[in-house]
């Protein structure tokens, strides 16, 4: 039985309640499920996280309301778990994940300690700010597309449009007003590229600390994560984070790309980190 609260959530997202609640919010044949099911999307985790915290208000929220120093990927993993439940879970599981995200965001609020890009010291931030939720969602969407098209296959325009339509429903579920979600993928590209070019994205000291903790060399796959993240980031932000890049590193990323594609082609399962050549 669909509760009134559940009905409100579905209506907010523009989703229809399916007859069988176990089927979930999205059809099994949807491009959202097809793309999201690819294990190689995990290779974009560092990129997505550094894109998120390039926004000073997001960086402040992560720095002050997470345990990134002891668990640098914990917040990203929780986000991915929630999105996985929304994409693949039954209706009840998916909507519980939406509410869990809302509860987590409710406690995130504070003020900037110092000027950052266009934001003055004292600017308030909130985990429920639709503009910040929109940006975090957008970094995950863009990263999924970039990684899928590099390591799996290019998406035909119809497939990309179908994937993006479902992602718009996810954004609305997460609390972004429908009027703020770019309606078509072309409009999304305009929004995202505009953000990349603007001073809204300003890498602050908290963002650098988060990046260094994510990319530091204490864990076995650090070189791989650092090389992938540097190669997949837009050049302006790569430079802002101080990540080295040159033709040799670019060639190693291409070698890694071919290795992942070969592993997938051989149906060897998801690419284990220790099976991939490490960028040096």
Foldseek 3Di string as FASTA:
>chain_A
DQDPVLVVLCVLLVFDCDPFQQCARDHPPFLQNVLLVALLLVLLQLQLLLQLVLQVLSLVQCLVPHPCLVPLCVVVVLVSVLVCCRVGGGHVSNLVSLVVQVVSQQPGKDFACADAQVDGGGHIHGSLPLVSLQSSLLSSLVSSQLRCCLQPNHDDQVSNFRNVSVSSSVSSSNPRGNVPRPNTVVVSVVVVVVVVPGSSRGQDPSSLVSSCSQQPDPDPLNQSSLLSNLQSHDVVSSVRSVRDDDPLSVVLVNQQSVVSNVCVVVVVPRDDSVVTDGRD
